[in-house]
């Protein structure tokens, strides 16, 4: 079956040593950004944490978008059976990789905008007499804001999965496949994201247990360093899952081109 071949190619390509050592530093950089943000937000107000906590996550999406462009172009040459020169591909891909970095900007702006709107709602709610009435009548507004905040990462992942091929090869966006075969489009996305989610959950559980049992308390510098050192193996073991997500994204795009 075609799907079996797609999975097999994406799986084997995700275990190549060169790509693992290309991807690992990017995940480490993302981990460093997250640890640094947590250190800054140590003992900050809950509302500030709520607004700022997603910024490093969306910056990570930008880094992954840039990496995805590079990985897609490498994998494209591998699928064609051509000799892969990483240095030449990097030079040819640099401008396109910047498009992936810019993925983070609209995500951060959307999150901050929703956060400010929720803050405004919270302030109005506190106005005597008028505030409680406003909060009851417009109770659906914070619900809508929270739903939008939850959908932003999901949309970003879908764009990262399907949009990376367009960024990598300067293609025009074609949404016909989403309209004609939505179940197949979302099925491919689920197949790619499920191993990444399971791997993240498993590694995250181990990370949480380690920090919960052996974490240093009441010292922000020590706990930040401990988090960073724990994220070294965390990022390494997560790398093949990230690569599989990227590789299967290109496989999915190629399958739609063949069928289209």
Protein backbone atom coordinates (compact mmCIF):
# COMPACT_ATOMS: atom_id res chain seq x y z
CA UNK A 1 0.00 0.00 0.00
CA UNK A 2 1.09 3.56 -0.72
CA UNK A 3 0.56 4.65 2.89
CA UNK A 4 2.81 1.87 4.17
CA UNK A 5 5.58 2.98 1.81
CA UNK A 6 5.16 6.60 2.88
CA UNK A 7 5.40 5.63 6.54
CA UNK A 8 8.41 3.40 5.95
CA UNK A 9 10.33 6.09 4.04
CA UNK A 10 9.52 8.79 6.61
CA UNK A 11 10.45 6.49 9.49
CA UNK A 12 13.84 5.47 8.09
CA UNK A 13 14.68 9.05 7.06
CA UNK A 14 13.96 10.21 10.62
CA UNK A 15 16.67 7.99 12.06
CA UNK A 16 19.58 9.25 9.95
CA UNK A 17 22.46 10.50 12.06
CA UNK A 18 23.08 13.68 10.06
CA UNK A 19 19.51 14.94 10.38
CA UNK A 20 19.35 14.12 14.07
CA UNK A 21 22.45 16.22 14.72
CA UNK A 22 21.01 19.00 12.55
CA UNK A 23 17.70 19.04 14.40
CA UNK A 24 18.99 18.53 17.93
CA UNK A 25 20.64 22.01 18.29
CA UNK A 26 17.40 23.68 17.16
CA UNK A 27 15.42 21.83 19.82
CA UNK A 28 18.08 22.74 22.38
CA UNK A 29 17.78 26.41 21.43
CA UNK A 30 14.01 26.17 21.83
CA UNK A 31 14.53 24.54 25.24
CA UNK A 32 16.90 27.33 26.27
CA UNK A 33 14.31 29.97 25.32
CA UNK A 34 11.63 28.17 27.35
CA UNK A 35 13.88 27.78 30.41
CA UNK A 36 14.94 31.43 30.21
CA UNK A 37 11.30 32.54 30.02
CA UNK A 38 10.35 30.41 33.03
CA UNK A 39 13.25 31.93 34.97
CA UNK A 40 12.05 35.46 34.18
CA UNK A 41 8.48 34.57 35.14
CA UNK A 42 9.50 33.03 38.45
CA UNK A 43 7.09 34.30 41.13
CA UNK A 44 5.41 36.61 38.60
CA UNK A 45 1.69 37.38 38.79
CA UNK A 46 -0.54 34.65 37.35
CA UNK A 47 -1.96 37.02 34.74
CA UNK A 48 1.53 37.93 33.49
CA UNK A 49 2.46 34.24 33.33
CA UNK A 50 -0.74 33.48 31.40
CA UNK A 51 0.11 36.14 28.83
CA UNK A 52 3.82 35.39 28.45
CA UNK A 53 3.96 31.62 28.72
CA UNK A 54 2.99 31.01 25.10
CA UNK A 55 5.58 33.40 23.65
CA UNK A 56 8.49 30.89 23.87
CA UNK A 57 6.20 28.18 22.50
CA UNK A 58 5.38 30.27 19.44
CA UNK A 59 9.04 31.23 19.03
CA UNK A 60 9.68 27.48 18.97
CA UNK A 61 7.13 27.17 16.16
CA UNK A 62 9.13 29.77 14.24
CA UNK A 63 12.38 27.87 14.73
CA UNK A 64 10.70 24.61 13.71
CA UNK A 65 9.24 26.30 10.64
CA UNK A 66 12.71 27.35 9.54
CA UNK A 67 14.07 23.88 10.26
CA UNK A 68 11.18 22.25 8.38
CA UNK A 69 12.08 24.12 5.20
CA UNK A 70 15.67 22.85 5.39
CA UNK A 71 14.62 19.27 6.19
CA UNK A 72 12.06 19.23 3.36
CA UNK A 73 14.63 20.31 0.80
CA UNK A 74 17.09 17.68 2.01
CA UNK A 75 14.44 14.97 1.97
CA UNK A 76 13.30 16.03 -1.51
CA UNK A 77 16.78 15.30 -2.90
CA UNK A 78 16.91 12.01 -0.98
CA UNK A 79 13.61 10.86 -2.47
CA UNK A 80 14.93 11.59 -5.95
CA UNK A 81 18.03 9.53 -5.23
CA UNK A 82 20.37 12.50 -5.63
CA UNK A 83 23.57 13.16 -3.72
CA UNK A 84 22.83 15.40 -0.74
CA UNK A 85 25.22 18.26 -0.05
CA UNK A 86 24.02 19.86 3.17
CA UNK A 87 26.12 22.99 2.75
CA UNK A 88 24.81 23.73 -0.75
CA UNK A 89 21.21 23.04 0.28
CA UNK A 90 21.59 25.36 3.28
CA UNK A 91 22.87 28.18 1.06
CA UNK A 92 20.05 27.68 -1.44
CA UNK A 93 17.42 27.44 1.30
CA UNK A 94 18.44 30.34 3.54
CA UNK A 95 15.96 32.91 2.23
CA UNK A 96 13.14 30.37 2.30
CA UNK A 97 14.05 29.42 5.86
CA UNK A 98 13.41 33.01 6.92
CA UNK A 99 9.79 32.53 5.84
CA UNK A 100 9.54 29.76 8.41
CA UNK A 101 10.91 32.02 11.15
CA UNK A 102 8.22 34.62 10.42
CA UNK A 103 5.59 32.01 11.32
CA UNK A 104 6.10 32.98 14.97
CA UNK A 105 5.19 36.66 14.55
CA UNK A 106 1.45 36.36 13.72
CA UNK A 107 1.07 33.67 16.40
CA UNK A 108 2.56 35.91 19.10
CA UNK A 109 0.53 38.93 17.97
CA UNK A 110 -2.69 36.90 17.95
CA UNK A 111 -2.01 35.52 21.44
CA UNK A 112 -1.09 38.93 22.89
CA UNK A 113 -4.17 40.49 21.27
CA UNK A 114 -6.47 37.88 22.81
CA UNK A 115 -4.70 38.25 26.15
CA UNK A 116 -5.27 42.02 26.13
CA UNK A 117 -8.94 41.57 25.22
CA UNK A 118 -9.37 39.14 28.11
CA UNK A 119 -7.65 41.63 30.41
CA UNK A 120 -10.02 44.37 29.26
CA UNK A 121 -12.99 42.08 29.93
CA UNK A 122 -11.60 41.35 33.41
CA UNK A 123 -11.27 45.08 34.17
CA UNK A 124 -14.80 45.86 32.98
CA UNK A 125 -16.11 42.98 35.06
CA UNK A 126 -14.71 44.69 38.16
CA UNK A 127 -16.72 47.91 37.66
CA UNK A 128 -19.35 48.21 40.44
CA UNK A 129 -22.95 47.47 39.39
CA UNK A 130 -22.24 47.55 35.65
CA UNK A 131 -19.44 44.95 35.72
CA UNK A 132 -21.44 41.93 36.93
CA UNK A 133 -24.23 42.65 34.42
CA UNK A 134 -21.68 42.94 31.61
CA UNK A 135 -19.98 39.69 32.69
CA UNK A 136 -23.30 37.80 32.66
CA UNK A 137 -24.62 39.17 29.36
CA UNK A 138 -21.32 38.75 27.52
CA UNK A 139 -20.19 35.53 29.22
CA UNK A 140 -19.55 34.00 25.81
CA UNK A 141 -16.70 36.44 25.09
CA UNK A 142 -14.03 34.95 27.42
CA UNK A 143 -15.15 31.51 26.25
CA UNK A 144 -14.54 32.56 22.65
CA UNK A 145 -11.18 34.11 23.58
CA UNK A 146 -10.05 30.93 25.34
CA UNK A 147 -11.23 28.78 22.44
CA UNK A 148 -9.26 30.94 20.01
CA UNK A 149 -6.17 30.63 22.21
CA UNK A 150 -6.56 26.86 22.12
CA UNK A 151 -7.02 26.78 18.34
CA UNK A 152 -3.96 28.91 17.55
CA UNK A 153 -1.40 26.15 18.37
CA UNK A 154 -3.46 23.58 16.44
CA UNK A 155 -3.63 25.83 13.37
CA UNK A 156 0.10 26.49 13.70
CA UNK A 157 0.83 22.75 13.69
CA UNK A 158 -1.32 22.23 10.58
CA UNK A 159 0.47 25.11 8.84
CA UNK A 160 3.82 23.65 9.94
CA UNK A 161 2.83 20.25 8.54
CA UNK A 162 1.43 21.32 5.17
CA UNK A 163 2.82 24.82 4.74
CA UNK A 164 6.48 23.79 5.06
CA UNK A 165 6.41 22.23 1.58
CA UNK A 166 5.09 25.47 0.08
CA UNK A 167 7.70 27.57 1.90
CA UNK A 168 10.49 25.16 0.96
CA UNK A 169 9.78 25.22 -2.77
CA UNK A 170 8.10 28.64 -3.23
CA UNK A 171 4.83 27.02 -4.28
CA UNK A 172 1.48 28.74 -4.49
CA UNK A 173 -1.05 27.64 -1.89
CA UNK A 174 -3.57 25.14 -3.22
CA UNK A 175 -6.52 24.52 -0.90
CA UNK A 176 -8.37 22.25 -3.33
CA UNK A 177 -7.15 19.11 -1.54
CA UNK A 178 -8.61 20.37 1.75
CA UNK A 179 -11.99 20.78 0.05
CA UNK A 180 -11.97 17.60 -2.06
CA UNK A 181 -10.34 15.14 0.37
CA UNK A 182 -10.60 16.62 3.89
CA UNK A 183 -10.61 13.21 5.61
CA UNK A 184 -7.38 12.17 3.87
CA UNK A 185 -5.74 15.52 4.60
CA UNK A 186 -6.58 15.38 8.29
CA UNK A 187 -5.81 11.65 8.42
CA UNK A 188 -2.24 12.28 7.25
CA UNK A 189 -1.89 15.07 9.81
CA UNK A 190 -3.11 12.81 12.63
CA UNK A 191 -0.71 10.04 11.57
CA UNK A 192 2.20 12.50 11.73
CA UNK A 193 1.24 14.30 14.93
CA UNK A 194 0.25 11.25 16.99
CA UNK A 195 3.82 9.88 17.47
CA UNK A 196 5.02 13.40 18.30
CA UNK A 197 2.29 13.87 20.91
CA UNK A 198 2.89 10.43 22.43
CA UNK A 199 6.65 10.99 22.53
CA UNK A 200 6.22 14.43 24.08
CA UNK A 201 3.77 13.06 26.65
CA UNK A 202 6.04 10.15 27.63
CA UNK A 203 9.18 12.29 27.87
CA UNK A 204 7.24 15.06 29.59
CA UNK A 205 5.94 12.61 32.19
CA UNK A 206 9.49 11.44 32.94
CA UNK A 207 10.65 15.06 33.10
CA UNK A 208 7.82 15.99 35.49
CA UNK A 209 8.47 13.02 37.77
CA UNK A 210 12.19 13.82 37.88
CA UNK A 211 11.59 17.47 38.73
CA UNK A 212 8.88 16.60 41.23
CA UNK A 213 11.05 14.09 43.11
CA UNK A 214 14.51 15.61 42.74
CA UNK A 215 13.90 19.26 41.80
CA UNK A 216 15.78 21.98 43.66
CA UNK A 217 13.44 24.38 45.46
CA UNK A 218 13.59 28.10 46.30
CA UNK A 219 16.56 28.83 44.04
CA UNK A 220 15.63 30.10 40.60
CA UNK A 221 19.17 29.80 39.19
CA UNK A 222 19.61 26.22 40.38
CA UNK A 223 16.19 25.08 39.22
CA UNK A 224 16.68 26.75 35.82
CA UNK A 225 20.01 24.98 35.34
CA UNK A 226 18.42 21.71 36.44
CA UNK A 227 15.64 22.17 33.89
CA UNK A 228 18.18 22.93 31.19
CA UNK A 229 20.26 19.83 31.92
CA UNK A 230 17.13 17.67 31.93
CA UNK A 231 16.10 19.10 28.58
CA UNK A 232 19.36 17.91 27.01
CA UNK A 233 18.23 14.24 26.88
CA UNK A 234 14.58 15.31 26.48
CA UNK A 235 15.38 17.20 23.26
CA UNK A 236 17.59 14.41 21.93
CA UNK A 237 14.97 11.68 22.34
CA UNK A 238 12.27 13.96 20.91
CA UNK A 239 14.30 14.67 17.75
CA UNK A 240 13.25 11.57 15.71
CA UNK A 241 9.57 12.32 16.40
CA UNK A 242 9.99 15.88 15.10
CA UNK A 243 11.81 14.61 12.01
CA UNK A 244 9.07 12.07 11.30
CA UNK A 245 6.50 14.87 11.48
CA UNK A 246 8.44 16.86 8.87
CA UNK A 247 9.21 13.93 6.59
CA UNK A 248 5.65 12.67 6.54
CA UNK A 249 4.49 16.21 5.73
CA UNK A 250 6.46 16.11 2.48
CA UNK A 251 5.29 12.55 1.81
CA UNK A 252 1.69 13.72 2.23
CA UNK A 253 2.21 16.64 -0.12
CA UNK A 254 3.79 14.39 -2.78
CA UNK A 255 0.89 11.94 -2.55
CA UNK A 256 -1.61 14.75 -3.20
CA UNK A 257 0.42 15.96 -6.18
CA UNK A 258 0.42 12.45 -7.68
CA UNK A 259 -3.33 12.06 -7.16
CA UNK A 260 -4.10 15.59 -8.28
